[in-house]
Amino acid sequence: QAIGVPPESMDGVKFFCDVNHGVPEAALILRQYADEIAVQIFNFQNLYDPDRFAIGGGISVQPAFIDAIRDQLGALYAVCPYPVRQAEITVCRYQNDANLYGAYRCFMERIGHC
């Protein structure tokens, strides 16, 4: 709606086409979404202190998405009043198939083959 397109006619491919073509409203939506994810990563980072977060799924093939998360997370680290070791944001090796590999691995562990 923010970019003048009915929600039912928008999909990820169209959205990232707008982002990659510099549509300001699309860039704002991406930044807001990335900020929400960055806050969750920041919270998780403070609870468990992992070294790395791997982003998977079809959206992970979009460099603009990963860069937006990194930027928003960097902004959170910059204003944090206490030192927090910064975690790496990376893309899952299997991207959109990451969930399938994870489910397969879980299945194999259950039947005792891993």
PDB file of N, CA and C in Angstrom:
ATOM      1  N   GLN A   1       0.830  -1.189   0.000  1.00  0.00           N
ATOM      2  CA  GLN A   1       0.000   0.000   0.000  1.00  0.00           C
ATOM      3  C   GLN A   1       0.875   1.253   0.000  1.00  0.00           C
ATOM      4  N   ALA A   2       1.996   1.202   0.721  1.00  0.00           N
ATOM      5  CA  ALA A   2       2.867   2.380   0.824  1.00  0.00           C
ATOM      6  C   ALA A   2       3.459   2.794  -0.510  1.00  0.00           C
ATOM      7  N   ILE A   3       3.574   1.862  -1.438  1.00  0.00           N
ATOM      8  CA  ILE A   3       4.137   2.202  -2.749  1.00  0.00           C
ATOM      9  C   ILE A   3       3.061   2.241  -3.828  1.00  0.00           C
ATOM     10  N   GLY A   4       1.799   2.268  -3.399  1.00  0.00           N
ATOM     11  CA  GLY A   4       0.698   2.415  -4.336  1.00  0.00           C
ATOM     12  C   GLY A   4       0.320   1.146  -5.075  1.00  0.00           C
ATOM     13  N   VAL A   5       0.622   0.008  -4.481  1.00  0.00           N
ATOM     14  CA  VAL A   5       0.315  -1.271  -5.108  1.00  0.00           C
ATOM     15  C   VAL A   5      -0.575  -2.051  -4.150  1.00  0.00           C
ATOM     16  N   PRO A   6      -1.667  -2.614  -4.649  1.00  0.00           N
ATOM     17  CA  PRO A   6      -2.491  -3.439  -3.762  1.00  0.00           C
ATOM     18  C   PRO A   6      -1.674  -4.607  -3.201  1.00  0.00           C
ATOM     19  N   PRO A   7      -1.783  -4.859  -1.891  1.00  0.00           N
ATOM     20  CA  PRO A   7      -0.972  -5.922  -1.271  1.00  0.00           C
ATOM     21  C   PRO A   7      -1.114  -7.275  -1.948  1.00  0.00           C
ATOM     22  N   GLU A   8      -2.303  -7.604  -2.429  1.00  0.00           N
ATOM     23  CA  GLU A   8      -2.502  -8.919  -3.052  1.00  0.00           C
ATOM     24  C   GLU A   8      -1.765  -9.064  -4.386  1.00  0.00           C
ATOM     25  N   SER A   9      -1.336  -7.938  -4.966  1.00  0.00           N
ATOM     26  CA  SER A   9      -0.594  -8.039  -6.231  1.00  0.00           C
ATOM     27  C   SER A   9       0.917  -7.900  -6.031  1.00  0.00           C
ATOM     28  N   MET A  10       1.360  -7.774  -4.782  1.00  0.00           N
ATOM     29  CA  MET A  10       2.789  -7.628  -4.492  1.00  0.00           C
ATOM     30  C   MET A  10       3.359  -8.966  -4.050  1.00  0.00           C
ATOM     31  N   ASP A  11       4.573  -9.233  -4.460  1.00  0.00           N
ATOM     32  CA  ASP A  11       5.289 -10.412  -3.984  1.00  0.00           C
ATOM     33  C   ASP A  11       6.748 -10.026  -3.783  1.00  0.00           C
ATOM     34  N   GLY A  12       7.534 -10.970  -3.285  1.00  0.00           N
ATOM     35  CA  GLY A  12       8.925 -10.683  -2.984  1.00  0.00           C
ATOM     36  C   GLY A  12       9.740 -10.262  -4.189  1.00  0.00           C
ATOM     37  N   VAL A  13       9.491 -10.885  -5.319  1.00  0.00           N
ATOM     38  CA  VAL A  13      10.244 -10.547  -6.536  1.00  0.00           C
ATOM     39  C   VAL A  13       9.959  -9.103  -6.941  1.00  0.00           C
ATOM     40  N   LYS A  14       8.687  -8.729  -6.962  1.00  0.00           N
ATOM     41  CA  LYS A  14       8.316  -7.354  -7.327  1.00  0.00           C
ATOM     42  C   LYS A  14       8.870  -6.358  -6.305  1.00  0.00           C
ATOM     43  N   PHE A  15       8.757  -6.716  -5.026  1.00  0.00           N
ATOM     44  CA  PHE A  15       9.230  -5.809  -3.991  1.00  0.00           C
ATOM     45  C   PHE A  15      10.720  -5.534  -4.147  1.00  0.00           C
ATOM     46  N   PHE A  16      11.531  -6.588  -4.288  1.00  0.00           N
ATOM     47  CA  PHE A  16      12.967  -6.378  -4.401  1.00  0.00           C
ATOM     48  C   PHE A  16      13.360  -5.755  -5.730  1.00  0.00           C
ATOM     49  N   CYS A  17      12.543  -5.909  -6.731  1.00  0.00           N
ATOM     50  CA  CYS A  17      12.765  -5.178  -7.979  1.00  0.00           C
ATOM     51  C   CYS A  17      12.651  -3.676  -7.697  1.00  0.00           C
ATOM     52  N   ASP A  18      11.615  -3.299  -6.933  1.00  0.00           N
ATOM     53  CA  ASP A  18      11.461  -1.892  -6.545  1.00  0.00           C
ATOM     54  C   ASP A  18      12.622  -1.422  -5.675  1.00  0.00           C
ATOM     55  N   VAL A  19      13.028  -2.250  -4.725  1.00  0.00           N
ATOM     56  CA  VAL A  19      14.162  -1.890  -3.862  1.00  0.00           C
ATOM     57  C   VAL A  19      15.406  -1.671  -4.714  1.00  0.00           C
ATOM     58  N   ASN A  20      15.680  -2.603  -5.612  1.00  0.00           N
ATOM     59  CA  ASN A  20      16.895  -2.534  -6.431  1.00  0.00           C
ATOM     60  C   ASN A  20      16.853  -1.424  -7.474  1.00  0.00           C
ATOM     61  N   HIS A  21      15.649  -0.930  -7.769  1.00  0.00           N
ATOM     62  CA  HIS A  21      15.515   0.202  -8.703  1.00  0.00           C
ATOM     63  C   HIS A  21      15.385   1.528  -7.970  1.00  0.00           C
ATOM     64  N   GLY A  22      15.601   1.497  -6.672  1.00  0.00           N
ATOM     65  CA  GLY A  22      15.664   2.735  -5.900  1.00  0.00           C
ATOM     66  C   GLY A  22      14.338   3.385  -5.577  1.00  0.00           C
ATOM     67  N   VAL A  23      13.256   2.620  -5.532  1.00  0.00           N
ATOM     68  CA  VAL A  23      11.959   3.191  -5.148  1.00  0.00           C
ATOM     69  C   VAL A  23      12.042   3.539  -3.658  1.00  0.00           C
ATOM     70  N   PRO A  24      11.935   4.829  -3.316  1.00  0.00           N
ATOM     71  CA  PRO A  24      12.157   5.245  -1.927  1.00  0.00           C
ATOM     72  C   PRO A  24      11.237   4.558  -0.920  1.00  0.00           C
ATOM     73  N   GLU A  25       9.977   4.380  -1.261  1.00  0.00           N
ATOM     74  CA  GLU A  25       9.043   3.745  -0.335  1.00  0.00           C
ATOM     75  C   GLU A  25       9.431   2.292  -0.077  1.00  0.00           C
ATOM     76  N   ALA A  26       9.891   1.605  -1.095  1.00  0.00           N
ATOM     77  CA  ALA A  26      10.327   0.216  -0.931  1.00  0.00           C
ATOM     78  C   ALA A  26      11.569   0.158  -0.044  1.00  0.00           C
ATOM     79  N   ALA A  27      12.479   1.086  -0.244  1.00  0.00           N
ATOM     80  CA  ALA A  27      13.687   1.136   0.593  1.00  0.00           C
ATOM     81  C   ALA A  27      13.320   1.390   2.049  1.00  0.00           C
ATOM     82  N   LEU A  28      12.336   2.253   2.292  1.00  0.00           N
ATOM     83  CA  LEU A  28      11.892   2.540   3.661  1.00  0.00           C
ATOM     84  C   LEU A  28      11.271   1.295   4.302  1.00  0.00           C
ATOM     85  N   ILE A  29      10.437   0.600   3.562  1.00  0.00           N
ATOM     86  CA  ILE A  29       9.812  -0.624   4.074  1.00  0.00           C
ATOM     87  C   ILE A  29      10.877  -1.659   4.402  1.00  0.00           C
ATOM     88  N   LEU A  30      11.860  -1.813   3.507  1.00  0.00           N
ATOM     89  CA  LEU A  30      12.939  -2.765   3.754  1.00  0.00           C
ATOM     90  C   LEU A  30      13.717  -2.384   5.006  1.00  0.00           C
ATOM     91  N   ARG A  31      14.007  -1.098   5.153  1.00  0.00           N
ATOM     92  CA  ARG A  31      14.763  -0.649   6.326  1.00  0.00           C
ATOM     93  C   ARG A  31      13.967  -0.908   7.616  1.00  0.00           C
ATOM     94  N   GLN A  32      12.663  -0.658   7.587  1.00  0.00           N
ATOM     95  CA  GLN A  32      11.833  -0.915   8.770  1.00  0.00           C
ATOM     96  C   GLN A  32      11.802  -2.409   9.108  1.00  0.00           C
ATOM     97  N   TYR A  33      11.658  -3.236   8.087  1.00  0.00           N
ATOM     98  CA  TYR A  33      11.637  -4.686   8.297  1.00  0.00           C
ATOM     99  C   TYR A  33      12.990  -5.170   8.827  1.00  0.00           C
ATOM    100  N   ALA A  34      14.067  -4.670   8.233  1.00  0.00           N
ATOM    101  CA  ALA A  34      15.409  -5.044   8.674  1.00  0.00           C
ATOM    102  C   ALA A  34      15.654  -4.585  10.107  1.00  0.00           C
ATOM    103  N   ASP A  35      15.101  -3.441  10.480  1.00  0.00           N
ATOM    104  CA  ASP A  35      15.254  -2.961  11.844  1.00  0.00           C
ATOM    105  C   ASP A  35      14.568  -3.901  12.826  1.00  0.00           C
ATOM    106  N   GLU A  36      13.385  -4.390  12.481  1.00  0.00           N
ATOM    107  CA  GLU A  36      12.683  -5.338  13.351  1.00  0.00           C
ATOM    108  C   GLU A  36      13.505  -6.619  13.531  1.00  0.00           C
ATOM    109  N   ILE A  37      14.085  -7.097  12.454  1.00  0.00           N
ATOM    110  CA  ILE A  37      14.917  -8.303  12.536  1.00  0.00           C
ATOM    111  C   ILE A  37      16.188  -8.020  13.332  1.00  0.00           C
ATOM    112  N   ALA A  38      16.792  -6.862  13.094  1.00  0.00           N
ATOM    113  CA  ALA A  38      18.018  -6.496  13.807  1.00  0.00           C
ATOM    114  C   ALA A  38      17.781  -6.420  15.311  1.00  0.00           C
ATOM    115  N   VAL A  39      16.639  -5.907  15.728  1.00  0.00           N
ATOM    116  CA  VAL A  39      16.321  -5.841  17.158  1.00  0.00           C
ATOM    117  C   VAL A  39      16.253  -7.251  17.735  1.00  0.00           C
ATOM    118  N   GLN A  40      15.630  -8.160  17.011  1.00  0.00           N
ATOM    119  CA  GLN A  40      15.543  -9.540  17.500  1.00  0.00           C
ATOM    120  C   GLN A  40      16.924 -10.194  17.565  1.00  0.00           C
ATOM    121  N   ILE A  41      17.741  -9.946  16.549  1.00  0.00           N
ATOM    122  CA  ILE A  41      19.109 -10.484  16.561  1.00  0.00           C
ATOM    123  C   ILE A  41      19.886  -9.893  17.733  1.00  0.00           C
ATOM    124  N   PHE A  42      19.755  -8.594  17.936  1.00  0.00           N
ATOM    125  CA  PHE A  42      20.443  -7.923  19.039  1.00  0.00           C
ATOM    126  C   PHE A  42      20.017  -8.516  20.382  1.00  0.00           C
ATOM    127  N   ASN A  43      18.722  -8.735  20.558  1.00  0.00           N
ATOM    128  CA  ASN A  43      18.229  -9.332  21.800  1.00  0.00           C
ATOM    129  C   ASN A  43      18.779 -10.742  21.983  1.00  0.00           C
ATOM    130  N   PHE A  44      18.731 -11.527  20.938  1.00  0.00           N
ATOM    131  CA  PHE A  44      19.252 -12.892  21.002  1.00  0.00           C
ATOM    132  C   PHE A  44      20.751 -12.871  21.290  1.00  0.00           C
ATOM    133  N   GLN A  45      21.452 -11.948  20.671  1.00  0.00           N
ATOM    134  CA  GLN A  45      22.892 -11.797  20.881  1.00  0.00           C
ATOM    135  C   GLN A  45      23.200 -11.548  22.354  1.00  0.00           C
ATOM    136  N   ASN A  46      22.397 -10.706  22.973  1.00  0.00           N
ATOM    137  CA  ASN A  46      22.622 -10.386  24.390  1.00  0.00           C
ATOM    138  C   ASN A  46      22.278 -11.547  25.307  1.00  0.00           C
ATOM    139  N   LEU A  47      21.390 -12.412  24.902  1.00  0.00           N
ATOM    140  CA  LEU A  47      21.025 -13.561  25.725  1.00  0.00           C
ATOM    141  C   LEU A  47      22.002 -14.725  25.589  1.00  0.00           C
ATOM    142  N   TYR A  48      22.402 -15.021  24.360  1.00  0.00           N
ATOM    143  CA  TYR A  48      23.161 -16.248  24.100  1.00  0.00           C
ATOM    144  C   TYR A  48      24.582 -16.034  23.593  1.00  0.00           C
ATOM    145  N   ASP A  49      24.913 -14.851  23.135  1.00  0.00           N
ATOM    146  CA  ASP A  49      26.260 -14.495  22.685  1.00  0.00           C
ATOM    147  C   ASP A  49      26.806 -15.399  21.577  1.00  0.00           C
ATOM    148  N   PRO A  50      26.032 -15.654  20.515  1.00  0.00           N
ATOM    149  CA  PRO A  50      26.580 -16.439  19.407  1.00  0.00           C
ATOM    150  C   PRO A  50      27.557 -15.604  18.574  1.00  0.00           C
ATOM    151  N   ASP A  51      28.402 -16.278  17.839  1.00  0.00           N
ATOM    152  CA  ASP A  51      29.365 -15.593  16.972  1.00  0.00           C
ATOM    153  C   ASP A  51      28.754 -15.168  15.644  1.00  0.00           C
ATOM    154  N   ARG A  52      27.716 -15.888  15.218  1.00  0.00           N
ATOM    155  CA  ARG A  52      27.220 -15.699  13.860  1.00  0.00           C
ATOM    156  C   ARG A  52      25.723 -15.981  13.801  1.00  0.00           C
ATOM    157  N   PHE A  53      25.045 -15.245  12.932  1.00  0.00           N
ATOM    158  CA  PHE A  53      23.652 -15.506  12.595  1.00  0.00           C
ATOM    159  C   PHE A  53      23.595 -15.774  11.105  1.00  0.00           C
ATOM    160  N   ALA A  54      23.026 -16.893  10.730  1.00  0.00           N
ATOM    161  CA  ALA A  54      22.906 -17.260   9.314  1.00  0.00           C
ATOM    162  C   ALA A  54      21.459 -17.060   8.881  1.00  0.00           C
ATOM    163  N   ILE A  55      21.277 -16.266   7.844  1.00  0.00           N
ATOM    164  CA  ILE A  55      19.956 -15.968   7.308  1.00  0.00           C
ATOM    165  C   ILE A  55      19.723 -16.897   6.122  1.00  0.00           C
ATOM    166  N   GLY A  56      18.599 -17.593   6.138  1.00  0.00           N
ATOM    167  CA  GLY A  56      18.267 -18.514   5.055  1.00  0.00           C
ATOM    168  C   GLY A  56      16.966 -18.152   4.398  1.00  0.00           C
ATOM    169  N   GLY A  57      16.487 -19.034   3.576  1.00  0.00           N
ATOM    170  CA  GLY A  57      15.243 -18.816   2.859  1.00  0.00           C
ATOM    171  C   GLY A  57      15.478 -18.061   1.562  1.00  0.00           C
ATOM    172  N   GLY A  58      14.442 -17.974   0.780  1.00  0.00           N
ATOM    173  CA  GLY A  58      14.544 -17.318  -0.524  1.00  0.00           C
ATOM    174  C   GLY A  58      14.972 -15.867  -0.439  1.00  0.00           C
ATOM    175  N   ILE A  59      14.580 -15.200   0.645  1.00  0.00           N
ATOM    176  CA  ILE A  59      14.921 -13.789   0.809  1.00  0.00           C
ATOM    177  C   ILE A  59      16.425 -13.585   0.992  1.00  0.00           C
ATOM    178  N   SER A  60      17.119 -14.623   1.416  1.00  0.00           N
ATOM    179  CA  SER A  60      18.550 -14.493   1.689  1.00  0.00           C
ATOM    180  C   SER A  60      19.382 -14.287   0.427  1.00  0.00           C
ATOM    181  N   VAL A  61      18.816 -14.518  -0.740  1.00  0.00           N
ATOM    182  CA  VAL A  61      19.568 -14.285  -1.979  1.00  0.00           C
ATOM    183  C   VAL A  61      19.585 -12.811  -2.361  1.00  0.00           C
ATOM    184  N   GLN A  62      18.857 -11.999  -1.612  1.00  0.00           N
ATOM    185  CA  GLN A  62      18.794 -10.564  -1.898  1.00  0.00           C
ATOM    186  C   GLN A  62      19.866  -9.826  -1.095  1.00  0.00           C
ATOM    187  N   PRO A  63      20.939  -9.393  -1.749  1.00  0.00           N
ATOM    188  CA  PRO A  63      21.988  -8.674  -1.019  1.00  0.00           C
ATOM    189  C   PRO A  63      21.463  -7.442  -0.286  1.00  0.00           C
ATOM    190  N   ALA A  64      20.465  -6.769  -0.847  1.00  0.00           N
ATOM    191  CA  ALA A  64      19.917  -5.578  -0.200  1.00  0.00           C
ATOM    192  C   ALA A  64      19.313  -5.928   1.154  1.00  0.00           C
ATOM    193  N   PHE A  65      18.713  -7.098   1.264  1.00  0.00           N
ATOM    194  CA  PHE A  65      18.106  -7.532   2.522  1.00  0.00           C
ATOM    195  C   PHE A  65      19.179  -7.776   3.574  1.00  0.00           C
ATOM    196  N   ILE A  66      20.204  -8.522   3.209  1.00  0.00           N
ATOM    197  CA  ILE A  66      21.287  -8.823   4.149  1.00  0.00           C
ATOM    198  C   ILE A  66      22.010  -7.543   4.546  1.00  0.00           C
ATOM    199  N   ASP A  67      22.283  -6.676   3.578  1.00  0.00           N
ATOM    200  CA  ASP A  67      22.952  -5.409   3.881  1.00  0.00           C
ATOM    201  C   ASP A  67      22.117  -4.542   4.817  1.00  0.00           C
ATOM    202  N   ALA A  68      20.804  -4.536   4.606  1.00  0.00           N
ATOM    203  CA  ALA A  68      19.922  -3.737   5.468  1.00  0.00           C
ATOM    204  C   ALA A  68      19.959  -4.254   6.899  1.00  0.00           C
ATOM    205  N   ILE A  69      19.956  -5.554   7.067  1.00  0.00           N
ATOM    206  CA  ILE A  69      20.043  -6.120   8.421  1.00  0.00           C
ATOM    207  C   ILE A  69      21.379  -5.740   9.060  1.00  0.00           C
ATOM    208  N   ARG A  70      22.453  -5.878   8.306  1.00  0.00           N
ATOM    209  CA  ARG A  70      23.777  -5.523   8.840  1.00  0.00           C
ATOM    210  C   ARG A  70      23.822  -4.052   9.245  1.00  0.00           C
ATOM    211  N   ASP A  71      23.265  -3.184   8.396  1.00  0.00           N
ATOM    212  CA  ASP A  71      23.261  -1.745   8.699  1.00  0.00           C
ATOM    213  C   ASP A  71      22.464  -1.441   9.958  1.00  0.00           C
ATOM    214  N   GLN A  72      21.274  -2.001  10.049  1.00  0.00           N
ATOM    215  CA  GLN A  72      20.416  -1.729  11.197  1.00  0.00           C
ATOM    216  C   GLN A  72      21.014  -2.314  12.482  1.00  0.00           C
ATOM    217  N   LEU A  73      21.609  -3.481  12.388  1.00  0.00           N
ATOM    218  CA  LEU A  73      22.246  -4.085  13.546  1.00  0.00           C
ATOM    219  C   LEU A  73      23.463  -3.262  13.971  1.00  0.00           C
ATOM    220  N   GLY A  74      24.223  -2.790  12.999  1.00  0.00           N
ATOM    221  CA  GLY A  74      25.366  -1.927  13.300  1.00  0.00           C
ATOM    222  C   GLY A  74      24.947  -0.657  14.024  1.00  0.00           C
ATOM    223  N   ALA A  75      23.799  -0.110  13.623  1.00  0.00           N
ATOM    224  CA  ALA A  75      23.280   1.087  14.289  1.00  0.00           C
ATOM    225  C   ALA A  75      22.914   0.787  15.741  1.00  0.00           C
ATOM    226  N   LEU A  76      22.363  -0.394  15.992  1.00  0.00           N
ATOM    227  CA  LEU A  76      22.040  -0.777  17.371  1.00  0.00           C
ATOM    228  C   LEU A  76      23.303  -0.942  18.207  1.00  0.00           C
ATOM    229  N   TYR A  77      24.310  -1.605  17.635  1.00  0.00           N
ATOM    230  CA  TYR A  77      25.566  -1.770  18.363  1.00  0.00           C
ATOM    231  C   TYR A  77      26.179  -0.401  18.682  1.00  0.00           C
ATOM    232  N   ALA A  78      26.057   0.532  17.746  1.00  0.00           N
ATOM    233  CA  ALA A  78      26.684   1.845  17.909  1.00  0.00           C
ATOM    234  C   ALA A  78      26.085   2.649  19.057  1.00  0.00           C
ATOM    235  N   VAL A  79      24.801   2.471  19.330  1.00  0.00           N
ATOM    236  CA  VAL A  79      24.165   3.255  20.393  1.00  0.00           C
ATOM    237  C   VAL A  79      24.014   2.480  21.700  1.00  0.00           C
ATOM    238  N   CYS A  80      24.445   1.250  21.719  1.00  0.00           N
ATOM    239  CA  CYS A  80      24.326   0.434  22.930  1.00  0.00           C
ATOM    240  C   CYS A  80      25.241   1.016  24.008  1.00  0.00           C
ATOM    241  N   PRO A  81      24.710   1.248  25.223  1.00  0.00           N
ATOM    242  CA  PRO A  81      25.518   1.880  26.270  1.00  0.00           C
ATOM    243  C   PRO A  81      26.525   0.939  26.940  1.00  0.00           C
ATOM    244  N   TYR A  82      26.521  -0.313  26.584  1.00  0.00           N
ATOM    245  CA  TYR A  82      27.470  -1.272  27.147  1.00  0.00           C
ATOM    246  C   TYR A  82      28.101  -2.059  26.003  1.00  0.00           C
ATOM    247  N   PRO A  83      29.286  -2.593  26.213  1.00  0.00           N
ATOM    248  CA  PRO A  83      29.965  -3.306  25.127  1.00  0.00           C
ATOM    249  C   PRO A  83      29.276  -4.638  24.805  1.00  0.00           C
ATOM    250  N   VAL A  84      29.044  -4.853  23.539  1.00  0.00           N
ATOM    251  CA  VAL A  84      28.468  -6.106  23.053  1.00  0.00           C
ATOM    252  C   VAL A  84      29.334  -6.559  21.888  1.00  0.00           C
ATOM    253  N   ARG A  85      29.812  -7.776  21.978  1.00  0.00           N
ATOM    254  CA  ARG A  85      30.595  -8.323  20.864  1.00  0.00           C
ATOM    255  C   ARG A  85      29.667  -8.459  19.658  1.00  0.00           C
ATOM    256  N   GLN A  86      30.091  -7.930  18.540  1.00  0.00           N
ATOM    257  CA  GLN A  86      29.247  -7.932  17.354  1.00  0.00           C
ATOM    258  C   GLN A  86      29.292  -9.280  16.653  1.00  0.00           C
ATOM    259  N   ALA A  87      28.122  -9.803  16.390  1.00  0.00           N
ATOM    260  CA  ALA A  87      28.007 -11.079  15.692  1.00  0.00           C
ATOM    261  C   ALA A  87      28.049 -10.849  14.182  1.00  0.00           C
ATOM    262  N   GLU A  88      28.522 -11.847  13.493  1.00  0.00           N
ATOM    263  CA  GLU A  88      28.563 -11.814  12.033  1.00  0.00           C
ATOM    264  C   GLU A  88      27.173 -12.188  11.492  1.00  0.00           C
ATOM    265  N   ILE A  89      26.752 -11.481  10.457  1.00  0.00           N
ATOM    266  CA  ILE A  89      25.520 -11.822   9.743  1.00  0.00           C
ATOM    267  C   ILE A  89      25.949 -12.421   8.413  1.00  0.00           C
ATOM    268  N   THR A  90      25.539 -13.643   8.185  1.00  0.00           N
ATOM    269  CA  THR A  90      25.936 -14.341   6.965  1.00  0.00           C
ATOM    270  C   THR A  90      24.711 -14.988   6.320  1.00  0.00           C
ATOM    271  N   VAL A  91      24.910 -15.488   5.131  1.00  0.00           N
ATOM    272  CA  VAL A  91      23.833 -16.152   4.393  1.00  0.00           C
ATOM    273  C   VAL A  91      24.036 -17.659   4.488  1.00  0.00           C
ATOM    274  N   CYS A  92      22.949 -18.378   4.744  1.00  0.00           N
ATOM    275  CA  CYS A  92      23.022 -19.843   4.773  1.00  0.00           C
ATOM    276  C   CYS A  92      23.540 -20.368   3.435  1.00  0.00           C
ATOM    277  N   ARG A  93      24.356 -21.368   3.496  1.00  0.00           N
ATOM    278  CA  ARG A  93      24.918 -21.965   2.295  1.00  0.00           C
ATOM    279  C   ARG A  93      23.821 -22.441   1.339  1.00  0.00           C
ATOM    280  N   TYR A  94      22.763 -22.993   1.894  1.00  0.00           N
ATOM    281  CA  TYR A  94      21.719 -23.589   1.054  1.00  0.00           C
ATOM    282  C   TYR A  94      20.536 -22.661   0.811  1.00  0.00           C
ATOM    283  N   GLN A  95      20.625 -21.428   1.263  1.00  0.00           N
ATOM    284  CA  GLN A  95      19.633 -20.378   1.059  1.00  0.00           C
ATOM    285  C   GLN A  95      18.205 -20.896   1.176  1.00  0.00           C
ATOM    286  N   ASN A  96      17.460 -20.947   0.083  1.00  0.00           N
ATOM    287  CA  ASN A  96      16.051 -21.307   0.128  1.00  0.00           C
ATOM    288  C   ASN A  96      15.833 -22.765   0.518  1.00  0.00           C
ATOM    289  N   ASP A  97      16.831 -23.595   0.362  1.00  0.00           N
ATOM    290  CA  ASP A  97      16.695 -25.002   0.718  1.00  0.00           C
ATOM    291  C   ASP A  97      17.199 -25.297   2.137  1.00  0.00           C
ATOM    292  N   ALA A  98      17.600 -24.283   2.881  1.00  0.00           N
ATOM    293  CA  ALA A  98      18.149 -24.488   4.229  1.00  0.00           C
ATOM    294  C   ALA A  98      17.164 -25.236   5.115  1.00  0.00           C
ATOM    295  N   ASN A  99      15.895 -24.899   5.019  1.00  0.00           N
ATOM    296  CA  ASN A  99      14.908 -25.578   5.868  1.00  0.00           C
ATOM    297  C   ASN A  99      14.786 -27.056   5.507  1.00  0.00           C
ATOM    298  N   LEU A 100      14.924 -27.389   4.235  1.00  0.00           N
ATOM    299  CA  LEU A 100      14.841 -28.786   3.812  1.00  0.00           C
ATOM    300  C   LEU A 100      16.024 -29.591   4.332  1.00  0.00           C
ATOM    301  N   TYR A 101      17.211 -29.004   4.246  1.00  0.00           N
ATOM    302  CA  TYR A 101      18.390 -29.690   4.776  1.00  0.00           C
ATOM    303  C   TYR A 101      18.286 -29.862   6.294  1.00  0.00           C
ATOM    304  N   GLY A 102      17.769 -28.839   6.969  1.00  0.00           N
ATOM    305  CA  GLY A 102      17.589 -28.937   8.412  1.00  0.00           C
ATOM    306  C   GLY A 102      16.585 -30.016   8.788  1.00  0.00           C
ATOM    307  N   ALA A 103      15.479 -30.083   8.065  1.00  0.00           N
ATOM    308  CA  ALA A 103      14.468 -31.103   8.335  1.00  0.00           C
ATOM    309  C   ALA A 103      15.023 -32.498   8.050  1.00  0.00           C
ATOM    310  N   TYR A 104      15.786 -32.621   6.965  1.00  0.00           N
ATOM    311  CA  TYR A 104      16.391 -33.906   6.619  1.00  0.00           C
ATOM    312  C   TYR A 104      17.365 -34.347   7.719  1.00  0.00           C
ATOM    313  N   ARG A 105      18.176 -33.406   8.182  1.00  0.00           N
ATOM    314  CA  ARG A 105      19.150 -33.714   9.238  1.00  0.00           C
ATOM    315  C   ARG A 105      18.426 -34.156  10.515  1.00  0.00           C
ATOM    316  N   CYS A 106      17.372 -33.445  10.871  1.00  0.00           N
ATOM    317  CA  CYS A 106      16.595 -33.800  12.064  1.00  0.00           C
ATOM    318  C   CYS A 106      16.000 -35.199  11.919  1.00  0.00           C
ATOM    319  N   PHE A 107      15.478 -35.493  10.744  1.00  0.00           N
ATOM    320  CA  PHE A 107      14.905 -36.815  10.486  1.00  0.00           C
ATOM    321  C   PHE A 107      15.965 -37.900  10.614  1.00  0.00           C
ATOM    322  N   MET A 108      17.120 -37.668  10.015  1.00  0.00           N
ATOM    323  CA  MET A 108      18.192 -38.670  10.052  1.00  0.00           C
ATOM    324  C   MET A 108      18.674 -38.886  11.489  1.00  0.00           C
ATOM    325  N   GLU A 109      18.729 -37.827  12.284  1.00  0.00           N
ATOM    326  CA  GLU A 109      19.126 -37.993  13.690  1.00  0.00           C
ATOM    327  C   GLU A 109      18.081 -38.812  14.459  1.00  0.00           C
ATOM    328  N   ARG A 110      16.820 -38.592  14.146  1.00  0.00           N
ATOM    329  CA  ARG A 110      15.755 -39.334  14.832  1.00  0.00           C
ATOM    330  C   ARG A 110      15.795 -40.823  14.550  1.00  0.00           C
ATOM    331  N   ILE A 111      16.158 -41.162  13.328  1.00  0.00           N
ATOM    332  CA  ILE A 111      16.185 -42.589  13.002  1.00  0.00           C
ATOM    333  C   ILE A 111      17.567 -43.193  13.272  1.00  0.00           C
ATOM    334  N   GLY A 112      18.475 -42.362  13.799  1.00  0.00           N
ATOM    335  CA  GLY A 112      19.771 -42.876  14.224  1.00  0.00           C
ATOM    336  C   GLY A 112      20.827 -42.999  13.137  1.00  0.00           C
ATOM    337  N   HIS A 113      20.703 -42.252  12.060  1.00  0.00           N
ATOM    338  CA  HIS A 113      21.698 -42.322  10.989  1.00  0.00           C
ATOM    339  C   HIS A 113      22.695 -41.157  11.020  1.00  0.00           C
ATOM    340  N   CYS A 114      22.636 -40.323  12.046  1.00  0.00           N
ATOM    341  CA  CYS A 114      23.596 -39.221  12.180  1.00  0.00           C
ATOM    342  C   CYS A 114      24.184 -39.220  13.562  1.00  0.00           C
TER     343      CYS A 114
END
